[in-house]
Amino acid sequence: EPKPGANFNIEETRQKIDELLSTSVPDYHGLKEM
């Protein structure tokens, strides 16, 4: 749930969260690679 009035770009947010999970969670990165 975005904060009211926030300029929320869903795809940029998804990409950033994906990148952060890929670098910090080996199992997540492994799933993507496999």
Full PDB file with SEQRES, HELIX, SHEET, SSBOND, CRYST1, ORIGX, SCALE, CONECT and MASTER records, all heavy atoms in Angstrom:
SEQRES   1 A   34  GLU PRO LYS PRO GLY ALA ASN PHE ASN ILE GLU GLU THR          
SEQRES   2 A   34  ARG GLN LYS ILE ASP GLU LEU LEU SER THR SER VAL PRO          
SEQRES   3 A   34  ASP TYR HIS GLY LEU LYS GLU MET                              
HELIX    1 AA1 ILE A   10  SER A   24  1                                  15    
HELIX    2 AA2 PRO A   26  GLU A   33  1                                   8    
CRYST1    1.000    1.000    1.000  90.00  90.00  90.00 P 1           1          
ORIGX1      1.000000  0.000000  0.000000        0.00000                         
ORIGX2      0.000000  1.000000  0.000000        0.00000                         
ORIGX3      0.000000  0.000000  1.000000        0.00000                         
SCALE1      1.000000  0.000000  0.000000        0.00000                         
SCALE2      0.000000  1.000000  0.000000        0.00000                         
SCALE3      0.000000  0.000000  1.000000        0.00000                         
ATOM      1  N   GLU A   1       0.866  -1.182   0.000  1.00  0.00           N  
ATOM      2  CA  GLU A   1       0.000   0.000   0.000  1.00  0.00           C  
ATOM      3  C   GLU A   1       0.902   1.232   0.000  1.00  0.00           C  
ATOM      4  O   GLU A   1       1.641   1.463   0.958  1.00  0.00           O  
ATOM      5  CB  GLU A   1      -0.904   0.048   1.230  1.00  0.00           C  
ATOM      6  CG  GLU A   1      -1.784   1.293   1.244  1.00  0.00           C  
ATOM      7  CD  GLU A   1      -2.617   1.468   2.493  1.00  0.00           C  
ATOM      8  OE1 GLU A   1      -2.831   0.489   3.235  1.00  0.00           O  
ATOM      9  OE2 GLU A   1      -3.058   2.611   2.751  1.00  0.00           O  
ATOM     10  N   PRO A   2       0.880   2.020  -1.088  1.00  0.00           N  
ATOM     11  CA  PRO A   2       1.695   3.238  -1.121  1.00  0.00           C  
ATOM     12  C   PRO A   2       1.162   4.281  -0.137  1.00  0.00           C  
ATOM     13  O   PRO A   2      -0.022   4.281   0.193  1.00  0.00           O  
ATOM     14  CB  PRO A   2       1.540   3.757  -2.548  1.00  0.00           C  
ATOM     15  CG  PRO A   2       0.870   2.676  -3.311  1.00  0.00           C  
ATOM     16  CD  PRO A   2       0.157   1.814  -2.325  1.00  0.00           C  
ATOM     17  N   LYS A   3       2.045   5.146   0.314  1.00  0.00           N  
ATOM     18  CA  LYS A   3       1.608   6.271   1.137  1.00  0.00           C  
ATOM     19  C   LYS A   3       0.720   7.179   0.294  1.00  0.00           C  
ATOM     20  O   LYS A   3       0.948   7.328  -0.913  1.00  0.00           O  
ATOM     21  CB  LYS A   3       2.807   7.066   1.655  1.00  0.00           C  
ATOM     22  CG  LYS A   3       3.512   6.399   2.798  1.00  0.00           C  
ATOM     23  CD  LYS A   3       4.550   7.305   3.409  1.00  0.00           C  
ATOM     24  CE  LYS A   3       5.188   6.605   4.593  1.00  0.00           C  
ATOM     25  NZ  LYS A   3       6.246   7.405   5.194  1.00  0.00           N  
ATOM     26  N   PRO A   4      -0.285   7.801   0.914  1.00  0.00           N  
ATOM     27  CA  PRO A   4      -1.159   8.705   0.166  1.00  0.00           C  
ATOM     28  C   PRO A   4      -0.355   9.807  -0.525  1.00  0.00           C  
ATOM     29  O   PRO A   4       0.545  10.398   0.062  1.00  0.00           O  
ATOM     30  CB  PRO A   4      -2.078   9.299   1.245  1.00  0.00           C  
ATOM     31  CG  PRO A   4      -2.057   8.288   2.346  1.00  0.00           C  
ATOM     32  CD  PRO A   4      -0.682   7.679   2.312  1.00  0.00           C  
ATOM     33  N   GLY A   5      -0.654  10.033  -1.786  1.00  0.00           N  
ATOM     34  CA  GLY A   5      -0.005  11.084  -2.554  1.00  0.00           C  
ATOM     35  C   GLY A   5       1.392  10.758  -3.040  1.00  0.00           C  
ATOM     36  O   GLY A   5       2.037  11.581  -3.674  1.00  0.00           O  
ATOM     37  N   ALA A   6       1.873   9.548  -2.737  1.00  0.00           N  
ATOM     38  CA  ALA A   6       3.231   9.179  -3.153  1.00  0.00           C  
ATOM     39  C   ALA A   6       3.270   8.944  -4.654  1.00  0.00           C  
ATOM     40  O   ALA A   6       2.336   8.409  -5.239  1.00  0.00           O  
ATOM     41  CB  ALA A   6       3.692   7.925  -2.423  1.00  0.00           C  
ATOM     42  N   ASN A   7       4.369   9.341  -5.258  1.00  0.00           N  
ATOM     43  CA  ASN A   7       4.595   9.055  -6.670  1.00  0.00           C  
ATOM     44  C   ASN A   7       5.234   7.671  -6.715  1.00  0.00           C  
ATOM     45  O   ASN A   7       6.433   7.524  -6.570  1.00  0.00           O  
ATOM     46  CB  ASN A   7       5.517  10.119  -7.279  1.00  0.00           C  
ATOM     47  CG  ASN A   7       5.720   9.902  -8.764  1.00  0.00           C  
ATOM     48  OD1 ASN A   7       5.024   9.113  -9.393  1.00  0.00           O  
ATOM     49  ND2 ASN A   7       6.690  10.604  -9.319  1.00  0.00           N  
ATOM     50  N   PHE A   8       4.415   6.654  -6.906  1.00  0.00           N  
ATOM     51  CA  PHE A   8       4.857   5.267  -6.765  1.00  0.00           C  
ATOM     52  C   PHE A   8       4.920   4.610  -8.130  1.00  0.00           C  
ATOM     53  O   PHE A   8       3.899   4.384  -8.769  1.00  0.00           O  
ATOM     54  CB  PHE A   8       3.867   4.513  -5.873  1.00  0.00           C  
ATOM     55  CG  PHE A   8       4.414   3.244  -5.298  1.00  0.00           C  
ATOM     56  CD1 PHE A   8       4.890   3.210  -4.003  1.00  0.00           C  
ATOM     57  CD2 PHE A   8       4.448   2.083  -6.050  1.00  0.00           C  
ATOM     58  CE1 PHE A   8       5.395   2.042  -3.453  1.00  0.00           C  
ATOM     59  CE2 PHE A   8       4.946   0.903  -5.501  1.00  0.00           C  
ATOM     60  CZ  PHE A   8       5.419   0.893  -4.210  1.00  0.00           C  
ATOM     61  N   ASN A   9       6.129   4.305  -8.578  1.00  0.00           N  
ATOM     62  CA  ASN A   9       6.307   3.624  -9.854  1.00  0.00           C  
ATOM     63  C   ASN A   9       6.481   2.136  -9.556  1.00  0.00           C  
ATOM     64  O   ASN A   9       7.512   1.712  -9.039  1.00  0.00           O  
ATOM     65  CB  ASN A   9       7.531   4.170 -10.592  1.00  0.00           C  
ATOM     66  CG  ASN A   9       7.703   3.541 -11.960  1.00  0.00           C  
ATOM     67  OD1 ASN A   9       7.716   2.326 -12.103  1.00  0.00           O  
ATOM     68  ND2 ASN A   9       7.835   4.389 -12.966  1.00  0.00           N  
ATOM     69  N   ILE A  10       5.460   1.377  -9.884  1.00  0.00           N  
ATOM     70  CA  ILE A  10       5.427  -0.035  -9.502  1.00  0.00           C  
ATOM     71  C   ILE A  10       6.568  -0.841 -10.142  1.00  0.00           C  
ATOM     72  O   ILE A  10       7.186  -1.678  -9.498  1.00  0.00           O  
ATOM     73  CB  ILE A  10       4.045  -0.660  -9.801  1.00  0.00           C  
ATOM     74  CG1 ILE A  10       3.926  -2.021  -9.116  1.00  0.00           C  
ATOM     75  CG2 ILE A  10       3.782  -0.755 -11.278  1.00  0.00           C  
ATOM     76  CD1 ILE A  10       2.512  -2.546  -9.088  1.00  0.00           C  
ATOM     77  N   GLU A  11       6.885  -0.589 -11.405  1.00  0.00           N  
ATOM     78  CA  GLU A  11       7.937  -1.376 -12.066  1.00  0.00           C  
ATOM     79  C   GLU A  11       9.316  -1.005 -11.532  1.00  0.00           C  
ATOM     80  O   GLU A  11      10.149  -1.890 -11.302  1.00  0.00           O  
ATOM     81  CB  GLU A  11       7.881  -1.225 -13.586  1.00  0.00           C  
ATOM     82  CG  GLU A  11       8.886  -2.089 -14.327  1.00  0.00           C  
ATOM     83  CD  GLU A  11       8.872  -3.581 -13.970  1.00  0.00           C  
ATOM     84  OE1 GLU A  11       7.834  -4.123 -13.539  1.00  0.00           O  
ATOM     85  OE2 GLU A  11       9.938  -4.225 -14.105  1.00  0.00           O  
ATOM     86  N   GLU A  12       9.580   0.274 -11.310  1.00  0.00           N  
ATOM     87  CA  GLU A  12      10.870   0.666 -10.720  1.00  0.00           C  
ATOM     88  C   GLU A  12      11.028   0.064  -9.329  1.00  0.00           C  
ATOM     89  O   GLU A  12      12.115  -0.392  -8.966  1.00  0.00           O  
ATOM     90  CB  GLU A  12      10.986   2.186 -10.646  1.00  0.00           C  
ATOM     91  CG  GLU A  12      11.261   2.849 -11.970  1.00  0.00           C  
ATOM     92  CD  GLU A  12      11.371   4.365 -11.840  1.00  0.00           C  
ATOM     93  OE1 GLU A  12      11.482   4.889 -10.704  1.00  0.00           O  
ATOM     94  OE2 GLU A  12      11.322   5.034 -12.888  1.00  0.00           O  
ATOM     95  N   THR A  13       9.937   0.079  -8.565  1.00  0.00           N  
ATOM     96  CA  THR A  13       9.974  -0.492  -7.214  1.00  0.00           C  
ATOM     97  C   THR A  13      10.228  -1.986  -7.281  1.00  0.00           C  
ATOM     98  O   THR A  13      11.045  -2.528  -6.534  1.00  0.00           O  
ATOM     99  CB  THR A  13       8.660  -0.190  -6.467  1.00  0.00           C  
ATOM    100  OG1 THR A  13       8.494   1.232  -6.397  1.00  0.00           O  
ATOM    101  CG2 THR A  13       8.665  -0.772  -5.069  1.00  0.00           C  
ATOM    102  N   ARG A  14       9.550  -2.686  -8.198  1.00  0.00           N  
ATOM    103  CA  ARG A  14       9.753  -4.124  -8.350  1.00  0.00           C  
ATOM    104  C   ARG A  14      11.204  -4.429  -8.708  1.00  0.00           C  
ATOM    105  O   ARG A  14      11.832  -5.318  -8.129  1.00  0.00           O  
ATOM    106  CB  ARG A  14       8.815  -4.708  -9.417  1.00  0.00           C  
ATOM    107  CG  ARG A  14       8.826  -6.246  -9.420  1.00  0.00           C  
ATOM    108  CD  ARG A  14       8.398  -6.826 -10.740  1.00  0.00           C  
ATOM    109  NE  ARG A  14       9.367  -6.570 -11.793  1.00  0.00           N  
ATOM    110  CZ  ARG A  14      10.545  -7.198 -11.933  1.00  0.00           C  
ATOM    111  NH1 ARG A  14      10.912  -8.129 -11.077  1.00  0.00           N  
ATOM    112  NH2 ARG A  14      11.367  -6.900 -12.915  1.00  0.00           N  
ATOM    113  N   GLN A  15      11.750  -3.665  -9.648  1.00  0.00           N  
ATOM    114  CA  GLN A  15      13.131  -3.892 -10.072  1.00  0.00           C  
ATOM    115  C   GLN A  15      14.111  -3.659  -8.921  1.00  0.00           C  
ATOM    116  O   GLN A  15      15.065  -4.427  -8.738  1.00  0.00           O  
ATOM    117  CB  GLN A  15      13.485  -3.004 -11.257  1.00  0.00           C  
ATOM    118  CG  GLN A  15      12.817  -3.432 -12.538  1.00  0.00           C  
ATOM    119  CD  GLN A  15      13.098  -2.466 -13.690  1.00  0.00           C  
ATOM    120  OE1 GLN A  15      13.781  -1.462 -13.543  1.00  0.00           O  
ATOM    121  NE2 GLN A  15      12.553  -2.794 -14.857  1.00  0.00           N  
ATOM    122  N   LYS A  16      13.891  -2.611  -8.149  1.00  0.00           N  
ATOM    123  CA  LYS A  16      14.793  -2.297  -7.041  1.00  0.00           C  
ATOM    124  C   LYS A  16      14.719  -3.369  -5.956  1.00  0.00           C  
ATOM    125  O   LYS A  16      15.752  -3.837  -5.453  1.00  0.00           O  
ATOM    126  CB  LYS A  16      14.459  -0.915  -6.461  1.00  0.00           C  
ATOM    127  CG  LYS A  16      15.401  -0.453  -5.389  1.00  0.00           C  
ATOM    128  CD  LYS A  16      16.795  -0.247  -5.930  1.00  0.00           C  
ATOM    129  CE  LYS A  16      17.701   0.325  -4.854  1.00  0.00           C  
ATOM    130  NZ  LYS A  16      19.098   0.320  -5.239  1.00  0.00           N  
ATOM    131  N   ILE A  17      13.510  -3.793  -5.604  1.00  0.00           N  
ATOM    132  CA  ILE A  17      13.358  -4.836  -4.584  1.00  0.00           C  
ATOM    133  C   ILE A  17      13.975  -6.142  -5.086  1.00  0.00           C  
ATOM    134  O   ILE A  17      14.672  -6.841  -4.345  1.00  0.00           O  
ATOM    135  CB  ILE A  17      11.876  -5.012  -4.195  1.00  0.00           C  
ATOM    136  CG1 ILE A  17      11.387  -3.750  -3.454  1.00  0.00           C  
ATOM    137  CG2 ILE A  17      11.677  -6.257  -3.326  1.00  0.00           C  
ATOM    138  CD1 ILE A  17       9.889  -3.698  -3.236  1.00  0.00           C  
ATOM    139  N   ASP A  18      13.754  -6.465  -6.355  1.00  0.00           N  
ATOM    140  CA  ASP A  18      14.329  -7.668  -6.959  1.00  0.00           C  
ATOM    141  C   ASP A  18      15.859  -7.622  -6.876  1.00  0.00           C  
ATOM    142  O   ASP A  18      16.503  -8.602  -6.486  1.00  0.00           O  
ATOM    143  CB  ASP A  18      13.869  -7.789  -8.406  1.00  0.00           C  
ATOM    144  CG  ASP A  18      14.479  -8.990  -9.102  1.00  0.00           C  
ATOM    145  OD1 ASP A  18      14.065 -10.132  -8.796  1.00  0.00           O  
ATOM    146  OD2 ASP A  18      15.371  -8.786  -9.952  1.00  0.00           O  
ATOM    147  N   GLU A  19      16.425  -6.484  -7.214  1.00  0.00           N  
ATOM    148  CA  GLU A  19      17.882  -6.318  -7.164  1.00  0.00           C  
ATOM    149  C   GLU A  19      18.405  -6.492  -5.738  1.00  0.00           C  
ATOM    150  O   GLU A  19      19.397  -7.185  -5.505  1.00  0.00           O  
ATOM    151  CB  GLU A  19      18.237  -4.927  -7.698  1.00  0.00           C  
ATOM    152  CG  GLU A  19      19.688  -4.545  -7.607  1.00  0.00           C  
ATOM    153  CD  GLU A  19      19.897  -3.098  -8.029  1.00  0.00           C  
ATOM    154  OE1 GLU A  19      19.418  -2.712  -9.121  1.00  0.00           O  
ATOM    155  OE2 GLU A  19      20.521  -2.350  -7.254  1.00  0.00           O  
ATOM    156  N   LEU A  20      17.718  -5.890  -4.780  1.00  0.00           N  
ATOM    157  CA  LEU A  20      18.145  -5.980  -3.385  1.00  0.00           C  
ATOM    158  C   LEU A  20      18.037  -7.419  -2.864  1.00  0.00           C  
ATOM    159  O   LEU A  20      18.929  -7.893  -2.156  1.00  0.00           O  
ATOM    160  CB  LEU A  20      17.327  -5.023  -2.516  1.00  0.00           C  
ATOM    161  CG  LEU A  20      17.619  -3.540  -2.762  1.00  0.00           C  
ATOM    162  CD1 LEU A  20      16.513  -2.667  -2.194  1.00  0.00           C  
ATOM    163  CD2 LEU A  20      18.966  -3.164  -2.171  1.00  0.00           C  
ATOM    164  N   LEU A  21      16.954  -8.112  -3.217  1.00  0.00           N  
ATOM    165  CA  LEU A  21      16.812  -9.508  -2.793  1.00  0.00           C  
ATOM    166  C   LEU A  21      17.864 -10.387  -3.467  1.00  0.00           C  
ATOM    167  O   LEU A  21      18.409 -11.296  -2.840  1.00  0.00           O  
ATOM    168  CB  LEU A  21      15.403 -10.023  -3.111  1.00  0.00           C  
ATOM    169  CG  LEU A  21      14.275  -9.471  -2.249  1.00  0.00           C  
ATOM    170  CD1 LEU A  21      12.914  -9.927  -2.782  1.00  0.00           C  
ATOM    171  CD2 LEU A  21      14.443  -9.887  -0.787  1.00  0.00           C  
ATOM    172  N   SER A  22      18.148 -10.110  -4.732  1.00  0.00           N  
ATOM    173  CA  SER A  22      19.143 -10.906  -5.463  1.00  0.00           C  
ATOM    174  C   SER A  22      20.526 -10.801  -4.839  1.00  0.00           C  
ATOM    175  O   SER A  22      21.278 -11.780  -4.825  1.00  0.00           O  
ATOM    176  CB  SER A  22      19.216 -10.461  -6.923  1.00  0.00           C  
ATOM    177  OG  SER A  22      18.054 -10.819  -7.614  1.00  0.00           O  
ATOM    178  N   THR A  23      20.872  -9.627  -4.334  1.00  0.00           N  
ATOM    179  CA  THR A  23      22.202  -9.447  -3.759  1.00  0.00           C  
ATOM    180  C   THR A  23      22.294  -9.876  -2.299  1.00  0.00           C  
ATOM    181  O   THR A  23      23.385 -10.186  -1.820  1.00  0.00           O  
ATOM    182  CB  THR A  23      22.678  -7.980  -3.883  1.00  0.00           C  
ATOM    183  OG1 THR A  23      21.740  -7.136  -3.225  1.00  0.00           O  
ATOM    184  CG2 THR A  23      22.827  -7.584  -5.337  1.00  0.00           C  
ATOM    185  N   SER A  24      21.159  -9.933  -1.591  1.00  0.00           N  
ATOM    186  CA  SER A  24      21.217 -10.236  -0.163  1.00  0.00           C  
ATOM    187  C   SER A  24      20.691 -11.624   0.214  1.00  0.00           C  
ATOM    188  O   SER A  24      20.930 -12.087   1.328  1.00  0.00           O  
ATOM    189  CB  SER A  24      20.460  -9.174   0.641  1.00  0.00           C  
ATOM    190  OG  SER A  24      19.076  -9.214   0.331  1.00  0.00           O  
ATOM    191  N   VAL A  25      19.973 -12.268  -0.692  1.00  0.00           N  
ATOM    192  CA  VAL A  25      19.380 -13.574  -0.376  1.00  0.00           C  
ATOM    193  C   VAL A  25      19.848 -14.594  -1.416  1.00  0.00           C  
ATOM    194  O   VAL A  25      19.311 -14.644  -2.523  1.00  0.00           O  
ATOM    195  CB  VAL A  25      17.834 -13.490  -0.347  1.00  0.00           C  
ATOM    196  CG1 VAL A  25      17.233 -14.837   0.022  1.00  0.00           C  
ATOM    197  CG2 VAL A  25      17.352 -12.394   0.596  1.00  0.00           C  
ATOM    198  N   PRO A  26      20.850 -15.409  -1.073  1.00  0.00           N  
ATOM    199  CA  PRO A  26      21.395 -16.359  -2.042  1.00  0.00           C  
ATOM    200  C   PRO A  26      20.347 -17.302  -2.649  1.00  0.00           C  
ATOM    201  O   PRO A  26      20.403 -17.603  -3.839  1.00  0.00           O  
ATOM    202  CB  PRO A  26      22.430 -17.142  -1.233  1.00  0.00           C  
ATOM    203  CG  PRO A  26      22.807 -16.223  -0.115  1.00  0.00           C  
ATOM    204  CD  PRO A  26      21.573 -15.429   0.199  1.00  0.00           C  
ATOM    205  N   ASP A  27      19.384 -17.765  -1.854  1.00  0.00           N  
ATOM    206  CA  ASP A  27      18.360 -18.673  -2.379  1.00  0.00           C  
ATOM    207  C   ASP A  27      17.498 -17.990  -3.442  1.00  0.00           C  
ATOM    208  O   ASP A  27      17.110 -18.611  -4.424  1.00  0.00           O  
ATOM    209  CB  ASP A  27      17.457 -19.204  -1.263  1.00  0.00           C  
ATOM    210  CG  ASP A  27      18.169 -20.209  -0.372  1.00  0.00           C  
ATOM    211  OD1 ASP A  27      19.223 -20.732  -0.778  1.00  0.00           O  
ATOM    212  OD2 ASP A  27      17.652 -20.473   0.730  1.00  0.00           O  
ATOM    213  N   TYR A  28      17.203 -16.714  -3.232  1.00  0.00           N  
ATOM    214  CA  TYR A  28      16.410 -15.965  -4.210  1.00  0.00           C  
ATOM    215  C   TYR A  28      17.194 -15.842  -5.521  1.00  0.00           C  
ATOM    216  O   TYR A  28      16.675 -16.113  -6.597  1.00  0.00           O  
ATOM    217  CB  TYR A  28      16.065 -14.582  -3.649  1.00  0.00           C  
ATOM    218  CG  TYR A  28      15.225 -13.733  -4.563  1.00  0.00           C  
ATOM    219  CD1 TYR A  28      13.843 -13.845  -4.563  1.00  0.00           C  
ATOM    220  CD2 TYR A  28      15.815 -12.807  -5.424  1.00  0.00           C  
ATOM    221  CE1 TYR A  28      13.057 -13.063  -5.401  1.00  0.00           C  
ATOM    222  CE2 TYR A  28      15.040 -12.019  -6.263  1.00  0.00           C  
ATOM    223  CZ  TYR A  28      13.665 -12.147  -6.249  1.00  0.00           C  
ATOM    224  OH  TYR A  28      12.895 -11.372  -7.077  1.00  0.00           O  
ATOM    225  N   HIS A  29      18.449 -15.469  -5.398  1.00  0.00           N  
ATOM    226  CA  HIS A  29      19.298 -15.335  -6.589  1.00  0.00           C  
ATOM    227  C   HIS A  29      19.434 -16.684  -7.298  1.00  0.00           C  
ATOM    228  O   HIS A  29      19.353 -16.764  -8.524  1.00  0.00           O  
ATOM    229  CB  HIS A  29      20.674 -14.797  -6.203  1.00  0.00           C  
ATOM    230  CG  HIS A  29      21.600 -14.653  -7.358  1.00  0.00           C  
ATOM    231  ND1 HIS A  29      21.447 -13.669  -8.309  1.00  0.00           N  
ATOM    232  CD2 HIS A  29      22.679 -15.388  -7.744  1.00  0.00           C  
ATOM    233  CE1 HIS A  29      22.391 -13.804  -9.227  1.00  0.00           C  
ATOM    234  NE2 HIS A  29      23.149 -14.834  -8.907  1.00  0.00           N  
ATOM    235  N   GLY A  30      19.608 -17.739  -6.527  1.00  0.00           N  
ATOM    236  CA  GLY A  30      19.746 -19.076  -7.107  1.00  0.00           C  
ATOM    237  C   GLY A  30      18.494 -19.512  -7.853  1.00  0.00           C  
ATOM    238  O   GLY A  30      18.577 -20.127  -8.925  1.00  0.00           O  
ATOM    239  N   LEU A  31      17.337 -19.174  -7.328  1.00  0.00           N  
ATOM    240  CA  LEU A  31      16.065 -19.491  -7.985  1.00  0.00           C  
ATOM    241  C   LEU A  31      15.978 -18.805  -9.339  1.00  0.00           C  
ATOM    242  O   LEU A  31      15.600 -19.416 -10.343  1.00  0.00           O  
ATOM    243  CB  LEU A  31      14.904 -19.051  -7.085  1.00  0.00           C  
ATOM    244  CG  LEU A  31      13.499 -19.406  -7.514  1.00  0.00           C  
ATOM    245  CD1 LEU A  31      13.290 -20.915  -7.458  1.00  0.00           C  
ATOM    246  CD2 LEU A  31      12.499 -18.711  -6.592  1.00  0.00           C  
ATOM    247  N   LYS A  32      16.362 -17.539  -9.372  1.00  0.00           N  
ATOM    248  CA  LYS A  32      16.345 -16.788 -10.633  1.00  0.00           C  
ATOM    249  C   LYS A  32      17.286 -17.417 -11.656  1.00  0.00           C  
ATOM    250  O   LYS A  32      16.948 -17.566 -12.824  1.00  0.00           O  
ATOM    251  CB  LYS A  32      16.762 -15.328 -10.396  1.00  0.00           C  
ATOM    252  CG  LYS A  32      15.719 -14.484  -9.737  1.00  0.00           C  
ATOM    253  CD  LYS A  32      16.214 -13.073  -9.510  1.00  0.00           C  
ATOM    254  CE  LYS A  32      16.418 -12.377 -10.823  1.00  0.00           C  
ATOM    255  NZ  LYS A  32      16.654 -10.953 -10.717  1.00  0.00           N  
ATOM    256  N   GLU A  33      18.479 -17.757 -11.193  1.00  0.00           N  
ATOM    257  CA  GLU A  33      19.483 -18.326 -12.092  1.00  0.00           C  
ATOM    258  C   GLU A  33      19.099 -19.720 -12.580  1.00  0.00           C  
ATOM    259  O   GLU A  33      19.250 -20.038 -13.761  1.00  0.00           O  
ATOM    260  CB  GLU A  33      20.846 -18.390 -11.387  1.00  0.00           C  
ATOM    261  CG  GLU A  33      21.446 -17.031 -11.101  1.00  0.00           C  
ATOM    262  CD  GLU A  33      21.816 -16.284 -12.356  1.00  0.00           C  
ATOM    263  OE1 GLU A  33      22.464 -16.884 -13.233  1.00  0.00           O  
ATOM    264  OE2 GLU A  33      21.438 -15.101 -12.473  1.00  0.00           O  
ATOM    265  N   MET A  34      18.608 -20.547 -11.680  1.00  0.00           N  
ATOM    266  CA  MET A  34      18.298 -21.930 -12.017  1.00  0.00           C  
ATOM    267  C   MET A  34      17.155 -22.031 -13.028  1.00  0.00           C  
ATOM    268  O   MET A  34      17.224 -22.796 -13.980  1.00  0.00           O  
ATOM    269  CB  MET A  34      17.923 -22.711 -10.752  1.00  0.00           C  
ATOM    270  CG  MET A  34      17.710 -24.193 -11.005  1.00  0.00           C  
ATOM    271  SD  MET A  34      17.174 -25.147  -9.542  1.00  0.00           S  
ATOM    272  CE  MET A  34      18.063 -24.421  -8.201  1.00  0.00           C  
TER     273      MET A  34                                                      
MASTER        0    0    0    2    0    0    0    6  272    1    0    3          
END                                                                             
